[in-house]
């Protein structure tokens, strides 16, 4: 019985959850709901569902246990929710202002508003993903930028709350920043709400401690089977699969990585920084005391 449940969860939980989240978002907005409020409600319910699913059908038992990281993850999650709650609307307002100027200058809205909403979402995700992919790859390959992203990779287990385990400066660019080209081109608030819902649901599944087998869809989404390799302690393996939602740009630039002969490592983290600090305050300060962080791991 349990094997049947695991098989079902592995192959259907993510696609069904995503369809349900996007469909409910569109329906509620069409009924007059505020795009931001609707997106927030759908994202919250999705997180609750996945947190429960982890308890019922975990992939790795050792990832269920608090390893001294839960308080820090909660702290980072709350901080990032507050920061993004302020920054994201400001980013959108600024982008809309630029879009208005472009419309005035050129007499046209550059966004294909006549397209079906599904196609608008696909285009929005591809454009937003280019910003996220570029930023994410730079943070791995440029040493001074890696300091800001290392707190995310310092996690020693993957579970749903890892989707919020980011330094606020890191998330500010990858989150609100990816909406800038959409706002500048004139994408509507419902389109941005759908991008937000998609990103949140995908992100939490991407890090969730549940079985996931997407088969051919691993050529579309940057989901858990790919992302677990991104959290490998081996830097050569980790420096792949940069896509936040789609694997499209990884395919284009040759950074997709999904070996068929072995499973991703259960022991994760930063291989050359085994003593990376795990407390909330220490994680927040780690980019600014980097030399000490490195020195502590070399003792």
Protein backbone atom coordinates (compact mmCIF):
# COMPACT_ATOMS: atom_id res chain seq x y z
CA UNK A 1 0.00 0.00 0.00
CA UNK A 2 2.73 2.46 0.99
CA UNK A 3 4.67 1.72 -2.19
CA UNK A 4 1.58 2.53 -4.25
CA UNK A 5 1.12 5.83 -2.40
CA UNK A 6 4.79 6.74 -2.92
CA UNK A 7 4.53 5.91 -6.63
CA UNK A 8 1.44 8.09 -6.96
CA UNK A 9 2.97 11.02 -5.05
CA UNK A 10 6.22 10.82 -7.00
CA UNK A 11 4.51 11.12 -10.37
CA UNK A 12 1.42 13.23 -9.77
CA UNK A 13 1.83 15.49 -6.70
CA UNK A 14 3.79 18.26 -8.39
CA UNK A 15 1.92 18.53 -11.71
CA UNK A 16 -1.49 18.27 -10.06
CA UNK A 17 -0.59 20.80 -7.36
CA UNK A 18 0.72 23.23 -9.96
CA UNK A 19 -2.36 22.93 -12.15
CA UNK A 20 -4.63 23.37 -9.11
CA UNK A 21 -2.69 26.40 -7.85
CA UNK A 22 -2.66 28.18 -11.22
CA UNK A 23 -6.27 27.34 -12.03
CA UNK A 24 -7.56 28.52 -8.63
CA UNK A 25 -5.52 31.72 -8.95
CA UNK A 26 -7.03 32.54 -12.34
CA UNK A 27 -10.58 31.71 -11.18
CA UNK A 28 -10.35 33.82 -8.02
CA UNK A 29 -8.86 36.78 -9.90
CA UNK A 30 -11.59 36.50 -12.54
CA UNK A 31 -14.13 36.67 -9.72
CA UNK A 32 -12.74 39.99 -8.59
CA UNK A 33 -10.05 38.99 -6.13
CA UNK A 34 -6.97 41.13 -5.69
CA UNK A 35 -4.10 39.44 -7.59
CA UNK A 36 -1.67 39.92 -4.71
CA UNK A 37 -4.13 38.66 -2.08
CA UNK A 38 -5.17 35.67 -4.16
CA UNK A 39 -1.55 34.72 -4.86
CA UNK A 40 -0.72 34.95 -1.16
CA UNK A 41 -3.62 32.68 -0.19
CA UNK A 42 -2.84 30.07 -2.83
CA UNK A 43 0.87 30.05 -1.94
CA UNK A 44 0.11 29.65 1.78
CA UNK A 45 -2.22 26.70 1.19
CA UNK A 46 0.32 25.09 -1.16
CA UNK A 47 3.04 25.33 1.49
CA UNK A 48 0.77 23.77 4.11
CA UNK A 49 -0.14 20.91 1.78
CA UNK A 50 3.48 20.14 0.93
CA UNK A 51 4.59 20.35 4.57
CA UNK A 52 1.95 17.74 5.45
CA UNK A 53 2.90 15.60 2.46
CA UNK A 54 6.51 15.53 3.67
CA UNK A 55 5.42 14.07 7.00
CA UNK A 56 3.34 11.38 5.31
CA UNK A 57 5.63 10.35 2.43
CA UNK A 58 9.22 11.44 3.12
CA UNK A 59 11.97 10.66 0.63
CA UNK A 60 14.73 10.46 3.28
CA UNK A 61 14.00 9.87 6.95
CA UNK A 62 17.19 11.73 7.95
CA UNK A 63 15.90 14.88 6.22
CA UNK A 64 12.85 14.88 8.51
CA UNK A 65 14.90 15.62 11.63
CA UNK A 66 15.83 19.09 12.79
CA UNK A 67 19.61 19.38 12.49
CA UNK A 68 19.84 22.69 14.28
CA UNK A 69 18.65 24.52 11.19
CA UNK A 70 14.93 24.97 11.79
CA UNK A 71 15.13 28.19 13.83
CA UNK A 72 17.46 29.79 11.30
CA UNK A 73 15.22 28.71 8.41
CA UNK A 74 12.17 30.21 10.14
CA UNK A 75 14.09 33.43 10.78
CA UNK A 76 15.21 33.70 7.16
CA UNK A 77 11.73 32.81 5.92
CA UNK A 78 10.05 35.52 7.99
CA UNK A 79 12.72 38.09 7.08
CA UNK A 80 12.43 37.34 3.38
CA UNK A 81 8.63 37.46 3.50
CA UNK A 82 8.81 40.96 5.00
CA UNK A 83 11.55 42.20 2.67
CA UNK A 84 9.84 40.88 -0.45
CA UNK A 85 6.46 42.10 0.74
CA UNK A 86 7.87 45.63 0.55
CA UNK A 87 10.31 45.30 -2.36
CA UNK A 88 8.15 43.41 -4.83
CA UNK A 89 5.32 46.00 -5.06
CA UNK A 90 7.90 48.81 -5.34
CA UNK A 91 9.67 46.93 -8.13
CA UNK A 92 6.42 46.46 -9.98
CA UNK A 93 5.39 50.11 -9.59
CA UNK A 94 8.75 51.25 -10.96
CA UNK A 95 8.53 48.78 -13.84
CA UNK A 96 4.99 49.89 -14.69
CA UNK A 97 6.19 53.51 -14.77
CA UNK A 98 8.85 52.54 -17.32
CA UNK A 99 6.23 50.60 -19.29
CA UNK A 100 4.02 53.69 -19.35
CA UNK A 101 6.89 55.80 -20.67
CA UNK A 102 7.60 53.23 -23.41
CA UNK A 103 3.93 53.16 -24.35
CA UNK A 104 3.86 56.97 -24.54
CA UNK A 105 7.01 57.11 -26.64
CA UNK A 106 6.19 54.32 -29.04
CA UNK A 107 2.41 54.25 -28.89
CA UNK A 108 2.09 50.56 -28.09
CA UNK A 109 2.07 48.06 -25.27
CA UNK A 110 4.92 45.64 -25.93
CA UNK A 111 3.28 42.83 -23.98
CA UNK A 112 1.03 40.46 -26.02
CA UNK A 113 -2.12 41.12 -24.00
CA UNK A 114 -4.26 39.44 -26.67
CA UNK A 115 -2.62 36.06 -26.07
CA UNK A 116 -4.39 33.44 -23.93
CA UNK A 117 -3.32 33.70 -20.30
CA UNK A 118 -1.54 30.34 -20.45
CA UNK A 119 0.71 31.54 -23.28
CA UNK A 120 1.34 34.83 -21.49
CA UNK A 121 2.45 32.85 -18.45
CA UNK A 122 4.82 30.71 -20.52
CA UNK A 123 6.42 33.81 -22.06
CA UNK A 124 6.63 35.51 -18.65
CA UNK A 125 8.33 32.50 -17.10
CA UNK A 126 10.91 32.23 -19.89
CA UNK A 127 11.80 35.94 -19.66
CA UNK A 128 11.84 36.00 -15.85
CA UNK A 129 13.86 32.81 -15.81
CA UNK A 130 16.62 34.42 -17.88
CA UNK A 131 17.13 37.03 -15.13
CA UNK A 132 17.03 34.38 -12.41
CA UNK A 133 19.33 31.99 -14.30
CA UNK A 134 21.89 34.72 -14.97
CA UNK A 135 21.91 35.96 -11.38
CA UNK A 136 22.02 32.45 -9.96
CA UNK A 137 24.90 31.35 -12.17
CA UNK A 138 26.87 34.51 -11.39
CA UNK A 139 26.44 33.86 -7.68
CA UNK A 140 28.07 30.46 -8.09
CA UNK A 141 30.86 31.48 -10.43
CA UNK A 142 31.86 34.94 -9.14
CA UNK A 143 33.57 34.59 -5.72
CA UNK A 144 32.34 37.79 -4.09
CA UNK A 145 28.76 37.03 -5.14
CA UNK A 146 29.00 33.46 -3.85
CA UNK A 147 29.18 34.88 -0.32
CA UNK A 148 25.56 36.01 -0.62
CA UNK A 149 24.32 32.68 -1.97
CA UNK A 150 26.32 30.35 0.29
CA UNK A 151 23.80 30.53 3.18
CA UNK A 152 21.27 28.74 0.97
CA UNK A 153 23.73 25.96 0.12
CA UNK A 154 24.89 25.59 3.71
CA UNK A 155 21.72 23.60 4.47
CA UNK A 156 22.54 20.05 5.50
CA UNK A 157 19.17 18.63 4.48
CA UNK A 158 16.49 19.42 1.91
CA UNK A 159 12.92 20.01 3.02
CA UNK A 160 10.11 22.41 2.18
CA UNK A 161 11.40 25.32 4.27
CA UNK A 162 14.65 25.40 2.25
CA UNK A 163 12.67 27.26 -0.41
CA UNK A 164 12.90 30.32 1.86
CA UNK A 165 16.45 29.79 3.17
CA UNK A 166 18.14 32.67 1.35
CA UNK A 167 20.09 35.72 2.39
CA UNK A 168 17.69 38.66 1.84
CA UNK A 169 20.08 40.42 -0.56
CA UNK A 170 20.23 37.25 -2.66
CA UNK A 171 16.48 36.89 -2.82
CA UNK A 172 15.87 40.57 -3.55
CA UNK A 173 17.50 40.27 -6.96
CA UNK A 174 16.31 36.78 -7.87
CA UNK A 175 12.75 37.47 -6.65
CA UNK A 176 11.48 41.00 -7.42
CA UNK A 177 14.33 41.52 -9.88
CA UNK A 178 13.02 38.93 -12.30
CA UNK A 179 9.72 40.81 -12.56
CA UNK A 180 11.39 43.94 -13.96
CA UNK A 181 11.41 42.88 -17.65
CA UNK A 182 7.78 41.77 -17.33
CA UNK A 183 6.67 45.08 -15.85
CA UNK A 184 8.69 47.08 -18.37
CA UNK A 185 7.07 45.19 -21.24
CA UNK A 186 3.61 45.85 -19.79
CA UNK A 187 2.58 42.49 -18.31
CA UNK A 188 -0.59 42.74 -16.25
CA UNK A 189 -0.97 42.20 -12.51
CA UNK A 190 -2.71 38.81 -13.04
CA UNK A 191 0.25 37.60 -15.13
CA UNK A 192 2.67 38.64 -12.39
CA UNK A 193 0.47 36.94 -9.79
CA UNK A 194 0.58 33.71 -11.80
CA UNK A 195 4.38 33.97 -12.06
CA UNK A 196 4.54 34.43 -8.29
CA UNK A 197 2.33 31.41 -7.63
CA UNK A 198 4.23 29.26 -10.12
CA UNK A 199 7.59 30.25 -8.61
CA UNK A 200 6.47 29.62 -5.04
CA UNK A 201 4.84 26.24 -5.68
CA UNK A 202 7.72 25.10 -7.88
CA UNK A 203 10.30 26.32 -5.36
CA UNK A 204 8.81 24.48 -2.43
CA UNK A 205 8.47 21.23 -4.41
CA UNK A 206 12.00 21.73 -5.73
CA UNK A 207 13.34 21.51 -2.16
CA UNK A 208 10.73 19.22 -0.62
CA UNK A 209 11.63 15.94 1.06
CA UNK A 210 9.19 13.88 -0.99
CA UNK A 211 9.74 11.37 -3.81
CA UNK A 212 9.63 12.99 -7.22
CA UNK A 213 9.81 11.27 -10.61
CA UNK A 214 8.87 13.55 -13.49
CA UNK A 215 10.41 11.64 -16.37
CA UNK A 216 10.30 13.72 -19.61
CA UNK A 217 9.08 16.76 -17.63
CA UNK A 218 12.64 17.06 -16.29
CA UNK A 219 13.35 18.62 -19.68
CA UNK A 220 10.82 21.36 -18.88
CA UNK A 221 10.93 22.06 -15.14
CA UNK A 222 13.98 22.57 -12.91
CA UNK A 223 12.44 20.24 -10.37
CA UNK A 224 13.69 18.21 -7.40
CA UNK A 225 15.46 15.44 -9.31
CA UNK A 226 17.65 18.08 -10.96
CA UNK A 227 17.85 20.47 -8.03
CA UNK A 228 19.13 17.88 -5.56
CA UNK A 229 22.29 17.66 -7.70
CA UNK A 230 22.55 21.44 -7.41
CA UNK A 231 22.89 20.96 -3.64
CA UNK A 232 25.65 18.38 -3.94
CA UNK A 233 28.71 19.08 -1.74
CA UNK A 234 30.81 18.47 -4.86
CA UNK A 235 31.17 21.89 -6.51
CA UNK A 236 31.51 20.35 -9.97
CA UNK A 237 28.08 18.78 -9.57
CA UNK A 238 26.52 21.73 -7.75
CA UNK A 239 27.45 24.23 -10.46
CA UNK A 240 24.63 23.00 -12.70
CA UNK A 241 20.85 23.25 -12.89
CA UNK A 242 20.61 26.97 -12.16
CA UNK A 243 17.03 27.34 -13.31
CA UNK A 244 14.64 28.50 -10.63
CA UNK A 245 11.53 27.21 -12.38
CA UNK A 246 12.36 26.09 -15.91
CA UNK A 247 15.39 24.16 -17.09
CA UNK A 248 15.19 25.99 -20.47
CA UNK A 249 18.23 28.25 -20.06
CA UNK A 250 20.32 25.42 -18.58
CA UNK A 251 19.66 23.47 -21.76
CA UNK A 252 20.54 26.49 -23.91
CA UNK A 253 23.83 27.15 -22.06
CA UNK A 254 24.78 23.52 -21.38
CA UNK A 255 24.45 23.51 -17.59
CA UNK A 256 21.74 20.86 -17.22
CA UNK A 257 22.97 17.87 -15.17
CA UNK A 258 21.00 14.69 -14.40
CA UNK A 259 23.10 11.49 -14.27
CA UNK A 260 21.16 8.33 -15.05
CA UNK A 261 23.52 5.95 -13.24
CA UNK A 262 23.18 7.21 -9.66
CA UNK A 263 20.98 9.11 -7.25
CA UNK A 264 21.78 12.57 -5.80
CA UNK A 265 23.75 12.56 -2.51
CA UNK A 266 21.87 12.46 0.78
CA UNK A 267 24.71 14.29 2.54
CA UNK A 268 24.53 17.81 1.17
CA UNK A 269 26.04 21.20 1.96
CA UNK A 270 29.19 23.07 1.00
CA UNK A 271 31.95 20.50 0.77
CA UNK A 272 34.88 22.85 1.38
CA UNK A 273 33.09 24.78 4.16
CA UNK A 274 31.96 22.05 6.58
CA UNK A 275 31.83 24.46 9.54
CA UNK A 276 29.57 27.01 7.89
CA UNK A 277 27.56 28.80 10.64
CA UNK A 278 23.98 27.63 11.07
CA UNK A 279 22.42 30.20 13.42
CA UNK A 280 20.14 32.89 12.03
CA UNK A 281 22.33 35.83 13.00
CA UNK A 282 25.49 34.09 11.86
CA UNK A 283 23.93 33.26 8.48
CA UNK A 284 22.84 36.86 8.03
CA UNK A 285 26.34 38.13 8.81
CA UNK A 286 28.31 35.44 6.97
CA UNK A 287 28.76 37.40 3.70
CA UNK A 288 30.31 40.25 5.68
CA UNK A 289 32.70 38.10 7.73
CA UNK A 290 33.62 35.74 4.93
CA UNK A 291 37.31 35.36 5.75
CA UNK A 292 36.41 34.18 9.25
CA UNK A 293 33.81 31.77 7.88
CA UNK A 294 36.43 30.22 5.59
CA UNK A 295 39.06 30.14 8.33
CA UNK A 296 36.72 28.31 10.73
CA UNK A 297 36.31 25.50 8.19
CA UNK A 298 40.05 25.12 7.69
CA UNK A 299 40.95 24.58 11.34
